[in-house]
Each structure stands twice: as structure tokens, then as C-alpha cells.
Amino acid sequence: MSTVVIRVPATSANLGPGFDSLGLALGLYDEIEATLTGEPGVRVTVEGEGAGELDLGEGHLIVKAMHKAFDRMGIARPAGIRLHCRNRIPHARGLGSSSAAICAGLLAARALAPEGELSDDEVFALATEMEGHPDNVAPCLAGGLTIAWTDHSGAPRMVKLIPDARVRPVAIVPATRLATETARGLLPKDVPHKDASFNAGRAALLIAALIQRPDRELLLAATEDRLHQGYRAPAMPRSAGLVERLRAVGVPAVVSGAGPTILAFSTPDSQDLIAPEVGNDWHIQLMDVDPVGANVQFPETR
């Protein structure tokens, strides 16, 4: 039997003005142990998030990603796969759980098939193909703060940056879930030119603020958005209301990904402002930015 262990971070995409382009890797991880058993059949066990809910066979997203990688490498799908998933990333909350599963599956297949060839760029392209957008899979694979785009050939590209350590992300996670498809379905086909221009400036400012000058007032201005959060608010009114309350007291807060989780950028002078605005049915988690992204290990090297 061959076994590999993959650790993948949670991610937060958009970050306010960086719609479908900016992403941040967070210090919260799923860990997947994948084994090629040599015996027919797929067996998946799950502990933590998704236990009792997820498909435990070939319909599991990690298994689908593994099969896609084997197919792309031109290698026959193995007869038997055993997965054990230790999930900590909340599902359907805007913290990149599906991106983490996709990246884990692709990397597991590549590690378990040394005779195959799959470059980092090809892994990124396959992950984007499965996820639909590169802004979550980029930080999951690379870590840090990523800027992702699609070039003229249709291939996804990314640049990785490391934010100033004085900024720490705070995830404010509700008990309720929201499907990404539901949130994306509320977006208009067209937006005013002035709103697009506004967001372009704020996205550039956000990168500068996170990297060079992470003071609260600059981050507050840099996280303003006119392209997606307002349109999605009817699907998550409590999240939208919390963003407004946090921003009113000076906390740079945005919807994480498609929501309903809120991501706040905590600085030394804003940490104490967050908890008083948050109700008891939200989970507040102060995190670090994950600097390295997905990690692949073989059990004997752990």
C-alpha cells in the first residue's frame, strides 16, 4: 500500500473589493490521509466537519479530484482508494472547504503516482477547472495573499505575497450555511462603470495596506466594495448587518468568499472592538495567515 498525508488550509476569497481575484490562506486546516490499497473499492471516513453528511464513496469530492488527476496524467485509476479526512474547515460558510478538498485530491493523486507527470501549473489549472474560479484554489495551493487571474489563453495565473504580520484575520462564523451558487446567482450581469472603477482602486489599495501599511483607517477604506456584497446581502441579512456594525465602529470587515462567514482584519488597535458587536451564535476565531499553502507528506517523514 502507498500512503500520503495532505494538509490544506482554509481560504477567504474576494476580501471585499478583490472580487474573483484576491484570496488569503488561513491558519485552519483539513488533513487527508490517502492510501492506494490495491483492493477494489473506495472507502472514505470523515471526522469533524461533514461527518455523517458527505458521500463516503466515489462521489466524495476528494475522490473525484484524484480521479481527475489520474485521468489527466494518463494513468489508470487505481483499484482501491482509502481516505481518512480530519476536517476542521466549516462547510458552506465561505472559507474554501470545497477548494481545500479539490486541492487535496489533486495533490494526493500526484504524490501517489510518481510515474505520472503533473506540474504545479497543471495542478492549479485542474483545481480552477473543478472549482470554477482561481481565487480560492490559489491561496490554498500557494499560501499567503494571492492575486489570481486568467491569461489570454484561458490559463489561470497567480502572484503570491506575504501580508504584514501585524494584520491578523478574524473569522466570524455563523451556524447557518449558504451555498456559493445561491450567493452568486444574486449578482447582476452588468455593473455601473463607476462601481467597477471604485473597486479597482480599492483592490489596489488593499494590497498596499496589507503588505506595506496595515493601519486600521487605511484597511477600512481599502475593504470597501460595490461589486458583490450589497447584491448578495438579501441571502445573508445577518452577515450583511454584522459587516455594517463592525465597519461603523472602525473594524475593517468583509464577507468571506460567498459568505455567510465574516472576515475582519484585526490590528492591535481594533481587536477589542470586534466581540461587542458579535452575538452569541457566532464563532469568533483569530487566525494567522498561512504562509506556505498545501503541504504533502509521506507518513514516514512526518
Protein backbone atom coordinates (compact mmCIF):
# COMPACT_ATOMS: atom_id res chain seq x y z
CA MET A 1 0.00 0.00 0.00
CA SER A 2 1.09 3.59 -0.69
CA THR A 3 0.00 6.40 1.67
CA VAL A 4 0.30 10.18 1.59
CA VAL A 5 -0.90 12.86 4.02
CA ILE A 6 -2.09 16.21 2.66
CA ARG A 7 -2.73 19.28 4.83
CA VAL A 8 -4.69 22.08 3.15
CA PRO A 9 -5.60 25.50 4.58
CA ALA A 10 -8.91 27.29 4.72
CA THR A 11 -9.11 30.33 2.46
CA SER A 12 -11.01 33.57 2.20
CA ALA A 13 -11.64 34.97 -1.26
CA ASN A 14 -12.65 38.39 -2.61
CA LEU A 15 -11.56 40.21 0.59
CA GLY A 16 -14.06 42.94 -0.18
CA PRO A 17 -13.06 44.71 -3.40
CA GLY A 18 -10.96 41.91 -4.91
CA PHE A 19 -13.90 40.03 -6.42
CA ASP A 20 -12.81 36.75 -8.06
CA SER A 21 -9.15 37.77 -7.84
CA LEU A 22 -7.85 38.15 -4.26
CA GLY A 23 -7.51 35.31 -1.79
CA LEU A 24 -5.94 34.69 1.60
CA ALA A 25 -4.75 31.41 3.13
CA LEU A 26 -5.79 30.98 6.76
CA GLY A 27 -4.30 29.01 9.63
CA LEU A 28 -7.13 26.48 9.80
CA TYR A 29 -6.60 23.09 8.16
CA ASP A 30 -8.12 19.91 6.83
CA GLU A 31 -5.84 16.88 6.88
CA ILE A 32 -6.39 13.98 4.50
CA GLU A 33 -4.68 10.60 4.61
CA ALA A 34 -4.94 8.87 1.23
CA THR A 35 -3.94 5.26 0.62
CA LEU A 36 -3.89 3.14 -2.51
CA THR A 37 -4.94 -0.24 -1.11
CA GLY A 38 -4.63 -2.48 -4.14
CA GLU A 39 -8.05 -3.90 -3.28
CA PRO A 40 -11.22 -2.99 -5.23
CA GLY A 41 -13.42 -0.23 -3.90
CA VAL A 42 -13.35 3.29 -2.47
CA ARG A 43 -13.73 3.78 1.26
CA VAL A 44 -13.90 7.22 2.91
CA THR A 45 -14.07 8.03 6.60
CA VAL A 46 -14.68 11.55 7.90
CA GLU A 47 -14.20 13.08 11.33
CA GLY A 48 -15.05 16.66 12.19
CA GLU A 49 -16.83 18.89 9.68
CA GLY A 50 -19.09 16.98 7.31
CA ALA A 51 -19.13 13.76 9.33
CA GLY A 52 -22.38 11.95 8.68
CA GLU A 53 -23.17 14.18 5.69
CA LEU A 54 -20.56 13.62 2.99
CA ASP A 55 -20.50 10.88 0.37
CA LEU A 56 -18.25 8.04 1.56
CA GLY A 57 -17.54 6.58 -1.86
CA GLU A 58 -16.66 7.68 -5.37
CA GLY A 59 -18.93 10.72 -5.05
CA HIS A 60 -16.67 12.31 -2.45
CA LEU A 61 -15.09 15.48 -3.86
CA ILE A 62 -11.54 14.42 -2.94
CA VAL A 63 -12.01 11.12 -4.77
CA LYS A 64 -13.38 12.96 -7.80
CA ALA A 65 -10.31 15.22 -7.80
CA MET A 66 -7.99 12.22 -7.50
CA HIS A 67 -9.68 10.53 -10.45
CA LYS A 68 -9.42 13.70 -12.50
CA ALA A 69 -5.69 13.90 -11.78
CA PHE A 70 -5.11 10.24 -12.67
CA ASP A 71 -7.03 10.76 -15.92
CA ARG A 72 -5.04 13.87 -16.79
CA MET A 73 -1.76 12.05 -16.13
CA GLY A 74 -2.89 9.22 -18.40
CA ILE A 75 -2.73 6.69 -15.57
CA ALA A 76 -5.36 4.05 -14.94
CA ARG A 77 -7.50 4.82 -11.92
CA PRO A 78 -6.33 2.63 -9.02
CA ALA A 79 -8.48 -0.30 -7.99
CA GLY A 80 -8.76 0.76 -4.38
CA ILE A 81 -8.60 4.09 -2.52
CA ARG A 82 -8.94 4.61 1.21
CA LEU A 83 -9.34 8.16 2.56
CA HIS A 84 -9.44 9.39 6.12
CA CYS A 85 -10.44 13.05 6.40
CA ARG A 86 -9.91 15.15 9.51
CA ASN A 87 -11.97 18.22 8.64
CA ARG A 88 -11.77 21.50 10.52
CA ILE A 89 -12.81 23.92 7.77
CA PRO A 90 -16.54 24.73 8.09
CA HIS A 91 -18.63 23.68 5.10
CA ALA A 92 -20.71 26.10 3.02
CA ARG A 93 -19.54 29.08 5.07
CA GLY A 94 -17.25 30.93 2.63
CA LEU A 95 -13.96 29.51 3.93
CA GLY A 96 -12.94 27.43 0.93
CA SER A 97 -13.86 23.90 2.06
CA SER A 98 -14.50 22.73 -1.50
CA SER A 99 -11.26 24.29 -2.74
CA ALA A 100 -9.39 22.51 0.05
CA ALA A 101 -10.93 19.17 -0.93
CA ILE A 102 -10.14 19.66 -4.61
CA CYS A 103 -6.53 20.67 -3.98
CA ALA A 104 -6.05 17.80 -1.53
CA GLY A 105 -7.32 15.27 -4.04
CA LEU A 106 -5.17 16.52 -6.91
CA LEU A 107 -2.03 16.66 -4.79
CA ALA A 108 -2.71 13.23 -3.28
CA ALA A 109 -3.05 11.65 -6.72
CA ARG A 110 0.15 13.30 -7.96
CA ALA A 111 2.08 12.13 -4.89
CA LEU A 112 0.76 8.58 -5.16
CA ALA A 113 1.58 8.26 -8.86
CA PRO A 114 5.28 9.10 -9.22
CA GLU A 115 5.26 7.59 -12.72
CA GLY A 116 2.87 10.31 -13.84
CA GLU A 117 3.59 13.92 -14.65
CA LEU A 118 1.55 16.84 -13.34
CA SER A 119 3.26 20.20 -12.90
CA ASP A 120 2.30 22.81 -10.33
CA ASP A 121 0.74 24.89 -13.11
CA GLU A 122 -1.31 21.89 -14.24
CA VAL A 123 -2.50 21.25 -10.68
CA PHE A 124 -3.56 24.91 -10.43
CA ALA A 125 -5.35 24.68 -13.79
CA LEU A 126 -7.18 21.47 -12.84
CA ALA A 127 -8.18 22.90 -9.46
CA THR A 128 -9.52 26.05 -11.13
CA GLU A 129 -11.40 23.94 -13.68
CA MET A 130 -13.11 21.99 -10.91
CA GLU A 131 -13.77 24.94 -8.62
CA GLY A 132 -14.77 27.37 -11.35
CA HIS A 133 -12.60 30.29 -10.21
CA PRO A 134 -8.93 30.59 -9.24
CA ASP A 135 -9.28 32.95 -6.25
CA ASN A 136 -9.82 30.21 -3.63
CA VAL A 137 -7.58 27.48 -5.01
CA ALA A 138 -4.61 29.85 -5.50
CA PRO A 139 -4.06 30.62 -1.78
CA CYS A 140 -4.90 27.03 -0.84
CA LEU A 141 -2.05 25.79 -3.04
CA ALA A 142 0.46 28.61 -2.51
CA GLY A 143 -0.38 30.17 0.87
CA GLY A 144 -0.19 33.84 1.75
CA LEU A 145 -2.11 36.54 -0.11
CA THR A 146 -2.66 35.70 -3.77
CA ILE A 147 -3.73 37.68 -6.79
CA ALA A 148 -5.23 35.35 -9.40
CA TRP A 149 -6.30 35.97 -12.97
CA THR A 150 -6.84 34.15 -16.26
CA ASP A 151 -4.49 34.91 -19.15
CA HIS A 152 -5.44 35.29 -22.82
CA SER A 153 -5.07 31.55 -23.41
CA GLY A 154 -7.57 30.80 -20.63
CA ALA A 155 -4.92 29.51 -18.21
CA PRO A 156 -5.10 30.63 -14.56
CA ARG A 157 -2.15 32.56 -13.15
CA MET A 158 -1.26 33.81 -9.69
CA VAL A 159 1.14 36.01 -7.76
CA LYS A 160 1.81 35.31 -4.08
CA LEU A 161 2.54 37.97 -1.45
CA ILE A 162 3.01 37.78 2.33
CA PRO A 163 0.95 40.27 4.38
CA ASP A 164 2.43 42.24 7.24
CA ALA A 165 2.35 40.14 10.42
CA ARG A 166 0.63 42.96 12.32
CA VAL A 167 -2.59 42.16 10.46
CA ARG A 168 -4.36 39.05 11.71
CA PRO A 169 -7.54 37.74 10.10
CA VAL A 170 -10.51 37.03 12.33
CA ALA A 171 -13.16 34.62 11.01
CA ILE A 172 -16.64 35.21 12.44
CA VAL A 173 -18.55 32.06 11.54
CA PRO A 174 -22.35 31.68 11.84
CA ALA A 175 -24.17 28.42 12.47
CA THR A 176 -26.10 28.76 9.20
CA ARG A 177 -24.80 27.76 5.79
CA LEU A 178 -25.08 29.33 2.35
CA ALA A 179 -24.42 27.65 -0.98
CA THR A 180 -21.99 29.53 -3.23
CA GLU A 181 -24.35 29.04 -6.17
CA THR A 182 -27.14 30.80 -4.28
CA ALA A 183 -24.97 33.81 -3.49
CA ARG A 184 -23.52 34.04 -6.99
CA GLY A 185 -26.98 33.82 -8.51
CA LEU A 186 -27.86 37.19 -6.99
CA LEU A 187 -25.15 39.06 -8.89
CA PRO A 188 -26.20 41.25 -11.83
CA LYS A 189 -24.82 40.64 -15.30
CA ASP A 190 -23.64 44.24 -15.57
CA VAL A 191 -22.48 46.85 -13.07
CA PRO A 192 -22.03 50.64 -13.41
CA HIS A 193 -18.65 51.77 -14.71
CA LYS A 194 -18.16 53.97 -11.65
CA ASP A 195 -18.55 50.95 -9.37
CA ALA A 196 -16.02 48.93 -11.34
CA SER A 197 -13.60 51.85 -11.18
CA PHE A 198 -14.22 52.23 -7.45
CA ASN A 199 -13.41 48.57 -6.79
CA ALA A 200 -10.28 48.60 -8.94
CA GLY A 201 -8.86 51.41 -6.83
CA ARG A 202 -9.86 49.79 -3.54
CA ALA A 203 -8.38 46.42 -4.52
CA ALA A 204 -5.04 48.06 -5.33
CA LEU A 205 -5.20 49.97 -2.05
CA LEU A 206 -5.95 46.77 -0.12
CA ILE A 207 -2.81 45.07 -1.41
CA ALA A 208 -0.72 48.09 -0.38
CA ALA A 209 -2.39 48.22 3.04
CA LEU A 210 -1.91 44.52 3.77
CA ILE A 211 1.71 44.48 2.63
CA GLN A 212 3.16 47.90 3.46
CA ARG A 213 0.93 49.94 5.76
CA PRO A 214 -1.52 47.90 7.83
CA ASP A 215 -3.16 50.64 9.84
CA ARG A 216 -6.84 50.40 10.67
CA GLU A 217 -8.06 53.52 8.82
CA LEU A 218 -6.35 52.54 5.58
CA LEU A 219 -7.66 48.96 5.81
CA LEU A 220 -11.14 50.28 6.46
CA ALA A 221 -11.07 52.34 3.25
CA ALA A 222 -9.35 49.54 1.32
CA THR A 223 -12.03 46.94 2.11
CA GLU A 224 -14.94 48.94 0.66
CA ASP A 225 -16.82 47.10 -2.09
CA ARG A 226 -19.55 47.92 -4.62
CA LEU A 227 -19.48 44.84 -6.85
CA HIS A 228 -20.87 41.90 -4.91
CA GLN A 229 -21.56 42.23 -1.17
CA GLY A 230 -24.55 44.54 -1.48
CA TYR A 231 -26.17 42.37 -4.14
CA ARG A 232 -25.70 39.24 -2.01
CA ALA A 233 -26.99 40.80 1.21
CA PRO A 234 -30.61 39.51 0.82
CA ALA A 235 -29.29 35.92 1.01
CA MET A 236 -27.46 36.62 4.30
CA PRO A 237 -29.05 39.62 6.05
CA ARG A 238 -27.46 38.82 9.43
CA SER A 239 -23.98 38.70 7.90
CA ALA A 240 -24.59 41.93 6.00
CA GLY A 241 -25.82 43.59 9.18
CA LEU A 242 -22.78 42.45 11.14
CA VAL A 243 -20.42 43.80 8.48
CA GLU A 244 -22.16 47.17 8.75
CA ARG A 245 -21.93 47.20 12.55
CA LEU A 246 -18.27 46.26 12.58
CA ARG A 247 -17.35 48.84 9.97
CA ALA A 248 -19.35 51.50 11.85
CA VAL A 249 -17.07 51.07 14.88
CA GLY A 250 -13.94 51.09 12.74
CA VAL A 251 -13.25 47.39 12.11
CA PRO A 252 -12.25 46.50 8.50
CA ALA A 253 -14.73 43.70 7.85
CA VAL A 254 -15.90 41.92 4.69
CA VAL A 255 -17.91 38.89 3.68
CA SER A 256 -15.59 35.90 3.35
CA GLY A 257 -15.90 34.41 -0.12
CA ALA A 258 -19.58 33.98 -0.93
CA GLY A 259 -20.45 34.09 2.80
CA PRO A 260 -22.00 33.86 5.25
CA THR A 261 -18.77 34.00 7.31
CA ILE A 262 -17.36 37.45 8.03
CA LEU A 263 -13.64 38.13 7.80
CA ALA A 264 -12.27 41.04 9.83
CA PHE A 265 -8.73 42.35 9.58
CA SER A 266 -7.60 42.74 13.17
CA THR A 267 -4.89 45.23 14.10
CA PRO A 268 -3.62 45.95 17.63
CA ASP A 269 -5.96 48.92 17.98
CA SER A 270 -9.11 47.12 16.72
CA GLN A 271 -9.07 43.69 18.41
CA ASP A 272 -11.23 44.78 21.34
CA LEU A 273 -13.85 46.31 19.03
CA ILE A 274 -14.98 43.04 17.45
CA ALA A 275 -16.53 40.90 20.21
CA PRO A 276 -19.06 43.51 21.48
CA GLU A 277 -20.69 43.66 18.02
CA VAL A 278 -20.99 39.87 17.62
CA GLY A 279 -23.85 37.81 19.04
CA ASN A 280 -23.53 34.56 20.96
CA ASP A 281 -24.45 32.37 18.00
CA TRP A 282 -21.33 33.28 16.03
CA HIS A 283 -17.95 31.62 16.48
CA ILE A 284 -15.04 34.09 16.58
CA GLN A 285 -11.66 32.66 15.58
CA LEU A 286 -8.45 34.70 15.48
CA MET A 287 -6.07 33.19 12.94
CA ASP A 288 -2.68 33.62 11.37
CA VAL A 289 -2.13 33.87 7.64
CA ASP A 290 -0.83 30.52 6.40
CA PRO A 291 2.42 31.32 4.54
CA VAL A 292 3.01 28.07 2.64
CA GLY A 293 -0.30 26.58 1.49
CA ALA A 294 -0.90 22.89 0.87
CA ASN A 295 1.61 20.53 2.42
CA VAL A 296 2.37 16.99 1.23
CA GLN A 297 3.98 14.43 3.49
CA PHE A 298 4.59 10.71 3.46
CA PRO A 299 3.90 9.12 6.86
CA GLU A 300 7.50 8.07 7.46
CA THR A 301 8.63 11.72 7.09
CA ARG A 302 6.09 13.24 9.47
